[in-house]
PDB file of N, CA and C in Angstrom:
ATOM      1  N   MET A   1     103.332  83.423 167.319  1.00  0.00           N
ATOM      2  CA  MET A   1     103.073  84.129 166.066  1.00  0.00           C
ATOM      3  C   MET A   1     104.118  85.237 165.932  1.00  0.00           C
ATOM      4  N   THR A   2     104.697  85.288 164.765  1.00  0.00           N
ATOM      5  CA  THR A   2     105.747  86.284 164.545  1.00  0.00           C
ATOM      6  C   THR A   2     105.134  87.650 164.237  1.00  0.00           C
ATOM      7  N   GLU A   3     105.980  88.637 164.282  1.00  0.00           N
ATOM      8  CA  GLU A   3     105.557  90.011 163.980  1.00  0.00           C
ATOM      9  C   GLU A   3     105.063  90.118 162.539  1.00  0.00           C
ATOM     10  N   ILE A   4     105.696  89.390 161.636  1.00  0.00           N
ATOM     11  CA  ILE A   4     105.302  89.405 160.219  1.00  0.00           C
ATOM     12  C   ILE A   4     103.895  88.832 160.059  1.00  0.00           C
ATOM     13  N   GLU A   5     103.627  87.714 160.714  1.00  0.00           N
ATOM     14  CA  GLU A   5     102.298  87.092 160.630  1.00  0.00           C
ATOM     15  C   GLU A   5     101.214  88.013 161.198  1.00  0.00           C
ATOM     16  N   LYS A   6     101.527  88.659 162.311  1.00  0.00           N
ATOM     17  CA  LYS A   6     100.575  89.599 162.907  1.00  0.00           C
ATOM     18  C   LYS A   6     100.277  90.748 161.947  1.00  0.00           C
ATOM     19  N   THR A   7     101.316  91.261 161.333  1.00  0.00           N
ATOM     20  CA  THR A   7     101.160  92.367 160.393  1.00  0.00           C
ATOM     21  C   THR A   7     100.334  91.942 159.192  1.00  0.00           C
ATOM     22  N   LYS A   8     100.568  90.741 158.682  1.00  0.00           N
ATOM     23  CA  LYS A   8      99.789  90.229 157.550  1.00  0.00           C
ATOM     24  C   LYS A   8      98.311  90.103 157.926  1.00  0.00           C
ATOM     25  N   GLN A   9      98.027  89.632 159.114  1.00  0.00           N
ATOM     26  CA  GLN A   9      96.638  89.516 159.569  1.00  0.00           C
ATOM     27  C   GLN A   9      95.986  90.895 159.671  1.00  0.00           C
ATOM     28  N   GLU A  10      96.727  91.845 160.210  1.00  0.00           N
ATOM     29  CA  GLU A  10      96.201  93.206 160.322  1.00  0.00           C
ATOM     30  C   GLU A  10      95.910  93.798 158.943  1.00  0.00           C
ATOM     31  N   ILE A  11      96.799  93.546 157.986  1.00  0.00           N
ATOM     32  CA  ILE A  11      96.602  94.050 156.623  1.00  0.00           C
ATOM     33  C   ILE A  11      95.347  93.442 156.013  1.00  0.00           C
ATOM     34  N   LYS A  12      95.171  92.134 156.166  1.00  0.00           N
ATOM     35  CA  LYS A  12      93.972  91.462 155.636  1.00  0.00           C
ATOM     36  C   LYS A  12      92.704  92.054 156.250  1.00  0.00           C
ATOM     37  N   MET A  13      92.735  92.272 157.550  1.00  0.00           N
ATOM     38  CA  MET A  13      91.573  92.830 158.238  1.00  0.00           C
ATOM     39  C   MET A  13      91.282  94.249 157.731  1.00  0.00           C
ATOM     40  N   LEU A  14      92.308  95.054 157.580  1.00  0.00           N
ATOM     41  CA  LEU A  14      92.130  96.417 157.096  1.00  0.00           C
ATOM     42  C   LEU A  14      91.645  96.448 155.646  1.00  0.00           C
ATOM     43  N   GLN A  15      92.123  95.510 154.818  1.00  0.00           N
ATOM     44  CA  GLN A  15      91.664  95.446 153.432  1.00  0.00           C
ATOM     45  C   GLN A  15      90.184  95.101 153.360  1.00  0.00           C
ATOM     46  N   SER A  16      89.754  94.145 154.176  1.00  0.00           N
ATOM     47  CA  SER A  16      88.338  93.787 154.163  1.00  0.00           C
ATOM     48  C   SER A  16      87.479  94.942 154.686  1.00  0.00           C
ATOM     49  N   LYS A  17      87.972  95.651 155.684  1.00  0.00           N
ATOM     50  CA  LYS A  17      87.247  96.806 156.203  1.00  0.00           C
ATOM     51  C   LYS A  17      87.162  97.903 155.147  1.00  0.00           C
ATOM     52  N   LEU A  18      88.241  98.126 154.419  1.00  0.00           N
ATOM     53  CA  LEU A  18      88.266  99.128 153.355  1.00  0.00           C
ATOM     54  C   LEU A  18      87.270  98.771 152.255  1.00  0.00           C
ATOM     55  N   GLU A  19      87.245  97.507 151.841  1.00  0.00           N
ATOM     56  CA  GLU A  19      86.293  97.063 150.818  1.00  0.00           C
ATOM     57  C   GLU A  19      84.853  97.292 151.268  1.00  0.00           C
ATOM     58  N   PHE A  20      84.574  96.975 152.525  1.00  0.00           N
ATOM     59  CA  PHE A  20      83.239  97.183 153.064  1.00  0.00           C
ATOM     60  C   PHE A  20      82.861  98.661 153.045  1.00  0.00           C
ATOM     61  N   LEU A  21      83.760  99.517 153.486  1.00  0.00           N
ATOM     62  CA  LEU A  21      83.489 100.950 153.522  1.00  0.00           C
ATOM     63  C   LEU A  21      83.310 101.534 152.124  1.00  0.00           C
ATOM     64  N   GLU A  22      84.090 101.058 151.157  1.00  0.00           N
ATOM     65  CA  GLU A  22      83.945 101.529 149.787  1.00  0.00           C
ATOM     66  C   GLU A  22      82.593 101.116 149.215  1.00  0.00           C
ATOM     67  N   GLU A  23      82.169  99.903 149.498  1.00  0.00           N
ATOM     68  CA  GLU A  23      80.859  99.439 149.023  1.00  0.00           C
ATOM     69  C   GLU A  23      79.737 100.216 149.712  1.00  0.00           C
ATOM     70  N   LEU A  24      79.891 100.476 150.984  1.00  0.00           N
ATOM     71  CA  LEU A  24      78.898 101.241 151.731  1.00  0.00           C
ATOM     72  C   LEU A  24      78.761 102.652 151.177  1.00  0.00           C
ATOM     73  N   GLU A  25      79.868 103.227 150.763  1.00  0.00           N
ATOM     74  CA  GLU A  25      79.866 104.578 150.204  1.00  0.00           C
ATOM     75  C   GLU A  25      79.097 104.632 148.883  1.00  0.00           C
ATOM     76  N   LYS A  26      79.116 103.551 148.123  1.00  0.00           N
ATOM     77  CA  LYS A  26      78.409 103.493 146.847  1.00  0.00           C
ATOM     78  C   LYS A  26      76.900 103.359 147.029  1.00  0.00           C
ATOM     79  N   THR A  27      76.484 102.814 148.152  1.00  0.00           N
ATOM     80  CA  THR A  27      75.074 102.546 148.400  1.00  0.00           C
ATOM     81  C   THR A  27      74.337 103.837 148.760  1.00  0.00           C
ATOM     82  N   LYS A  28      73.219 104.047 148.126  1.00  0.00           N
ATOM     83  CA  LYS A  28      72.405 105.239 148.381  1.00  0.00           C
ATOM     84  C   LYS A  28      71.155 104.829 149.154  1.00  0.00           C
ATOM     85  N   SER A  29      70.698 105.710 150.017  1.00  0.00           N
ATOM     86  CA  SER A  29      69.482 105.445 150.770  1.00  0.00           C
ATOM     87  C   SER A  29      68.270 105.674 149.869  1.00  0.00           C
ATOM     88  N   PRO A  30      67.117 105.141 150.261  1.00  0.00           N
ATOM     89  CA  PRO A  30      65.908 105.356 149.457  1.00  0.00           C
ATOM     90  C   PRO A  30      65.558 106.835 149.276  1.00  0.00           C
ATOM     91  N   VAL A  31      65.794 107.644 150.297  1.00  0.00           N
ATOM     92  CA  VAL A  31      65.480 109.071 150.175  1.00  0.00           C
ATOM     93  C   VAL A  31      66.425 109.745 149.177  1.00  0.00           C
ATOM     94  N   GLU A  32      67.681 109.313 149.129  1.00  0.00           N
ATOM     95  CA  GLU A  32      68.621 109.873 148.159  1.00  0.00           C
ATOM     96  C   GLU A  32      68.250 109.462 146.734  1.00  0.00           C
ATOM     97  N   GLU A  33      67.796 108.222 146.571  1.00  0.00           N
ATOM     98  CA  GLU A  33      67.349 107.767 145.248  1.00  0.00           C
ATOM     99  C   GLU A  33      66.112 108.548 144.802  1.00  0.00           C
ATOM    100  N   ALA A  34      65.182 108.785 145.733  1.00  0.00           N
ATOM    101  CA  ALA A  34      63.973 109.561 145.410  1.00  0.00           C
ATOM    102  C   ALA A  34      64.344 110.994 145.035  1.00  0.00           C
ATOM    103  N   PHE A  35      65.281 111.577 145.746  1.00  0.00           N
ATOM    104  CA  PHE A  35      65.731 112.938 145.460  1.00  0.00           C
ATOM    105  C   PHE A  35      66.294 113.018 144.044  1.00  0.00           C
ATOM    106  N   LYS A  36      67.073 112.011 143.661  1.00  0.00           N
ATOM    107  CA  LYS A  36      67.653 112.001 142.317  1.00  0.00           C
ATOM    108  C   LYS A  36      66.561 111.889 141.250  1.00  0.00           C
ATOM    109  N   ARG A  37      65.521 111.089 141.515  1.00  0.00           N
ATOM    110  CA  ARG A  37      64.421 110.976 140.552  1.00  0.00           C
ATOM    111  C   ARG A  37      63.730 112.321 140.354  1.00  0.00           C
ATOM    112  N   VAL A  38      63.620 113.099 141.416  1.00  0.00           N
ATOM    113  CA  VAL A  38      62.919 114.382 141.341  1.00  0.00           C
ATOM    114  C   VAL A  38      63.821 115.479 140.773  1.00  0.00           C
ATOM    115  N   TYR A  39      65.047 115.591 141.278  1.00  0.00           N
ATOM    116  CA  TYR A  39      65.924 116.715 140.932  1.00  0.00           C
ATOM    117  C   TYR A  39      67.031 116.380 139.932  1.00  0.00           C
ATOM    118  N   GLY A  40      67.188 115.098 139.602  1.00  0.00           N
ATOM    119  CA  GLY A  40      68.177 114.724 138.593  1.00  0.00           C
ATOM    120  C   GLY A  40      69.600 114.608 139.090  1.00  0.00           C
ATOM    121  N   THR A  41      69.835 114.754 140.370  1.00  0.00           N
ATOM    122  CA  THR A  41      71.173 114.616 140.939  1.00  0.00           C
ATOM    123  C   THR A  41      71.038 114.145 142.383  1.00  0.00           C
ATOM    124  N   TYR A  42      72.094 113.528 142.871  1.00  0.00           N
ATOM    125  CA  TYR A  42      72.106 113.129 144.272  1.00  0.00           C
ATOM    126  C   TYR A  42      72.403 114.345 145.138  1.00  0.00           C
ATOM    127  N   PRO A  43      72.079 114.258 146.417  1.00  0.00           N
ATOM    128  CA  PRO A  43      72.427 115.362 147.319  1.00  0.00           C
ATOM    129  C   PRO A  43      73.927 115.646 147.286  1.00  0.00           C
ATOM    130  N   SER A  44      74.299 116.831 147.668  1.00  0.00           N
ATOM    131  CA  SER A  44      75.687 117.298 147.528  1.00  0.00           C
ATOM    132  C   SER A  44      76.713 116.408 148.211  1.00  0.00           C
ATOM    133  N   SER A  45      76.322 115.694 149.238  1.00  0.00           N
ATOM    134  CA  SER A  45      77.299 114.861 149.935  1.00  0.00           C
ATOM    135  C   SER A  45      77.828 113.739 149.044  1.00  0.00           C
ATOM    136  N   TYR A  46      77.097 113.422 147.960  1.00  0.00           N
ATOM    137  CA  TYR A  46      77.547 112.361 147.060  1.00  0.00           C
ATOM    138  C   TYR A  46      77.985 112.880 145.704  1.00  0.00           C
ATOM    139  N   ASP A  47      77.349 113.932 145.235  1.00  0.00           N
ATOM    140  CA  ASP A  47      77.645 114.415 143.889  1.00  0.00           C
ATOM    141  C   ASP A  47      78.472 115.684 143.987  1.00  0.00           C
ATOM    142  N   THR A  48      79.780 115.523 144.011  1.00  0.00           N
ATOM    143  CA  THR A  48      80.661 116.678 144.176  1.00  0.00           C
ATOM    144  C   THR A  48      80.878 117.431 142.865  1.00  0.00           C
ATOM    145  N   SER A  49      80.371 116.886 141.754  1.00  0.00           N
ATOM    146  CA  SER A  49      80.532 117.589 140.480  1.00  0.00           C
ATOM    147  C   SER A  49      79.522 118.724 140.344  1.00  0.00           C
ATOM    148  N   VAL A  50      78.525 118.740 141.211  1.00  0.00           N
ATOM    149  CA  VAL A  50      77.487 119.763 141.156  1.00  0.00           C
ATOM    150  C   VAL A  50      77.724 120.751 142.299  1.00  0.00           C
ATOM    151  N   PHE A  51      77.735 122.028 141.967  1.00  0.00           N
ATOM    152  CA  PHE A  51      77.925 123.053 142.985  1.00  0.00           C
ATOM    153  C   PHE A  51      76.600 123.285 143.715  1.00  0.00           C
ATOM    154  N   TRP A  52      76.609 123.164 145.013  1.00  0.00           N
ATOM    155  CA  TRP A  52      75.399 123.352 145.801  1.00  0.00           C
ATOM    156  C   TRP A  52      75.463 124.663 146.558  1.00  0.00           C
ATOM    157  N   THR A  53      74.350 125.369 146.560  1.00  0.00           N
ATOM    158  CA  THR A  53      74.249 126.604 147.329  1.00  0.00           C
ATOM    159  C   THR A  53      73.530 126.307 148.637  1.00  0.00           C
ATOM    160  N   GLU A  54      73.424 127.317 149.464  1.00  0.00           N
ATOM    161  CA  GLU A  54      72.694 127.158 150.721  1.00  0.00           C
ATOM    162  C   GLU A  54      71.230 126.834 150.444  1.00  0.00           C
ATOM    163  N   SER A  55      70.692 127.416 149.392  1.00  0.00           N
ATOM    164  CA  SER A  55      69.309 127.137 149.000  1.00  0.00           C
ATOM    165  C   SER A  55      69.141 125.667 148.620  1.00  0.00           C
ATOM    166  N   ASP A  56      70.126 125.101 147.915  1.00  0.00           N
ATOM    167  CA  ASP A  56      70.076 123.689 147.549  1.00  0.00           C
ATOM    168  C   ASP A  56      70.096 122.806 148.793  1.00  0.00           C
ATOM    169  N   GLU A  57      70.895 123.200 149.769  1.00  0.00           N
ATOM    170  CA  GLU A  57      70.963 122.442 151.006  1.00  0.00           C
ATOM    171  C   GLU A  57      69.616 122.490 151.731  1.00  0.00           C
ATOM    172  N   ASP A  58      68.966 123.644 151.716  1.00  0.00           N
ATOM    173  CA  ASP A  58      67.625 123.766 152.303  1.00  0.00           C
ATOM    174  C   ASP A  58      66.638 122.862 151.580  1.00  0.00           C
ATOM    175  N   THR A  59      66.769 122.770 150.256  1.00  0.00           N
ATOM    176  CA  THR A  59      65.900 121.897 149.467  1.00  0.00           C
ATOM    177  C   THR A  59      66.088 120.450 149.893  1.00  0.00           C
ATOM    178  N   TRP A  60      67.326 120.030 150.075  1.00  0.00           N
ATOM    179  CA  TRP A  60      67.614 118.653 150.491  1.00  0.00           C
ATOM    180  C   TRP A  60      67.032 118.373 151.870  1.00  0.00           C
ATOM    181  N   ILE A  61      67.206 119.299 152.788  1.00  0.00           N
ATOM    182  CA  ILE A  61      66.682 119.120 154.147  1.00  0.00           C
ATOM    183  C   ILE A  61      65.160 119.034 154.115  1.00  0.00           C
ATOM    184  N   SER A  62      64.526 119.918 153.359  1.00  0.00           N
ATOM    185  CA  SER A  62      63.070 119.895 153.242  1.00  0.00           C
ATOM    186  C   SER A  62      62.588 118.605 152.579  1.00  0.00           C
ATOM    187  N   PHE A  63      63.306 118.158 151.569  1.00  0.00           N
ATOM    188  CA  PHE A  63      62.951 116.921 150.880  1.00  0.00           C
ATOM    189  C   PHE A  63      63.013 115.742 151.849  1.00  0.00           C
ATOM    190  N   GLN A  64      64.056 115.685 152.664  1.00  0.00           N
ATOM    191  CA  GLN A  64      64.193 114.604 153.642  1.00  0.00           C
ATOM    192  C   GLN A  64      63.018 114.606 154.623  1.00  0.00           C
ATOM    193  N   LYS A  65      62.672 115.784 155.112  1.00  0.00           N
ATOM    194  CA  LYS A  65      61.559 115.878 156.073  1.00  0.00           C
ATOM    195  C   LYS A  65      60.251 115.444 155.423  1.00  0.00           C
ATOM    196  N   GLY A  66      60.011 115.882 154.199  1.00  0.00           N
ATOM    197  CA  GLY A  66      58.795 115.497 153.492  1.00  0.00           C
ATOM    198  C   GLY A  66      58.759 114.006 153.208  1.00  0.00           C
ATOM    199  N   TYR A  67      59.865 113.448 152.812  1.00  0.00           N
ATOM    200  CA  TYR A  67      59.956 112.018 152.530  1.00  0.00           C
ATOM    201  C   TYR A  67      59.647 111.208 153.786  1.00  0.00           C
ATOM    202  N   THR A  68      60.263 111.605 154.897  1.00  0.00           N
ATOM    203  CA  THR A  68      60.048 110.906 156.160  1.00  0.00           C
ATOM    204  C   THR A  68      58.595 111.017 156.599  1.00  0.00           C
ATOM    205  N   SER A  69      58.034 112.201 156.492  1.00  0.00           N
ATOM    206  CA  SER A  69      56.640 112.415 156.872  1.00  0.00           C
ATOM    207  C   SER A  69      55.695 111.579 156.012  1.00  0.00           C
ATOM    208  N   ALA A  70      55.925 111.585 154.709  1.00  0.00           N
ATOM    209  CA  ALA A  70      55.074 110.810 153.803  1.00  0.00           C
ATOM    210  C   ALA A  70      55.198 109.317 154.096  1.00  0.00           C
ATOM    211  N   LYS A  71      56.383 108.877 154.411  1.00  0.00           N
ATOM    212  CA  LYS A  71      56.601 107.465 154.707  1.00  0.00           C
ATOM    213  C   LYS A  71      55.855 107.063 155.972  1.00  0.00           C
ATOM    214  N   GLU A  72      55.831 107.957 156.961  1.00  0.00           N
ATOM    215  CA  GLU A  72      55.110 107.671 158.211  1.00  0.00           C
ATOM    216  C   GLU A  72      53.602 107.661 157.988  1.00  0.00           C
ATOM    217  N   ASP A  73      53.104 108.539 157.126  1.00  0.00           N
ATOM    218  CA  ASP A  73      51.670 108.641 156.875  1.00  0.00           C
ATOM    219  C   ASP A  73      51.148 107.540 155.964  1.00  0.00           C
ATOM    220  N   TYR A  74      52.003 107.020 155.105  1.00  0.00           N
ATOM    221  CA  TYR A  74      51.579 106.060 154.101  1.00  0.00           C
ATOM    222  C   TYR A  74      51.531 104.662 154.707  1.00  0.00           C
ATOM    223  N   LYS A  75      50.370 104.057 154.654  1.00  0.00           N
ATOM    224  CA  LYS A  75      50.195 102.710 155.184  1.00  0.00           C
ATOM    225  C   LYS A  75      49.948 101.762 154.018  1.00  0.00           C
ATOM    226  N   VAL A  76      50.721 100.721 153.956  1.00  0.00           N
ATOM    227  CA  VAL A  76      50.556  99.728 152.906  1.00  0.00           C
ATOM    228  C   VAL A  76      49.668  98.623 153.440  1.00  0.00           C
ATOM    229  N   GLU A  77      48.584  98.384 152.740  1.00  0.00           N
ATOM    230  CA  GLU A  77      47.695  97.310 153.140  1.00  0.00           C
ATOM    231  C   GLU A  77      47.948  96.116 152.247  1.00  0.00           C
ATOM    232  N   GLU A  78      48.023  94.962 152.870  1.00  0.00           N
ATOM    233  CA  GLU A  78      48.224  93.743 152.112  1.00  0.00           C
ATOM    234  C   GLU A  78      46.922  93.350 151.449  1.00  0.00           C
ATOM    235  N   PRO A  79      46.962  92.995 150.168  1.00  0.00           N
ATOM    236  CA  PRO A  79      45.728  92.573 149.496  1.00  0.00           C
ATOM    237  C   PRO A  79      45.231  91.264 150.078  1.00  0.00           C
ATOM    238  N   GLU A  80      43.917  91.149 150.152  1.00  0.00           N
ATOM    239  CA  GLU A  80      43.336  89.911 150.669  1.00  0.00           C
ATOM    240  C   GLU A  80      43.373  88.864 149.579  1.00  0.00           C
ATOM    241  N   GLU A  81      43.774  87.657 149.970  1.00  0.00           N
ATOM    242  CA  GLU A  81      43.828  86.574 149.008  1.00  0.00           C
ATOM    243  C   GLU A  81      42.472  85.872 148.955  1.00  0.00           C
ATOM    244  N   PRO A  82      42.006  85.570 147.749  1.00  0.00           N
ATOM    245  CA  PRO A  82      40.721  84.866 147.645  1.00  0.00           C
ATOM    246  C   PRO A  82      40.838  83.452 148.204  1.00  0.00           C
ATOM    247  N   GLU A  83      39.761  82.989 148.796  1.00  0.00           N
ATOM    248  CA  GLU A  83      39.781  81.658 149.394  1.00  0.00           C
ATOM    249  C   GLU A  83      39.432  80.578 148.418  1.00  0.00           C
TER     250      GLU A  83
END
């Protein structure tokens, strides 16, 4: 295999990795989606157009803890199917 072929393979691999990372960056977690429903914006790590203060960061941290706690406490029961 020539140096050119190796380089082309490396470029293809890096392009696919870049595409994956870009798509991953677009994906929001369920807690981030819930935060947006409540506060109208995503947490500061995603929405750079909004200026966040230390208080906002505390709100995000508290929201995450509450979301996680509620998720642990909430039990989904499957409905019984009639026979």
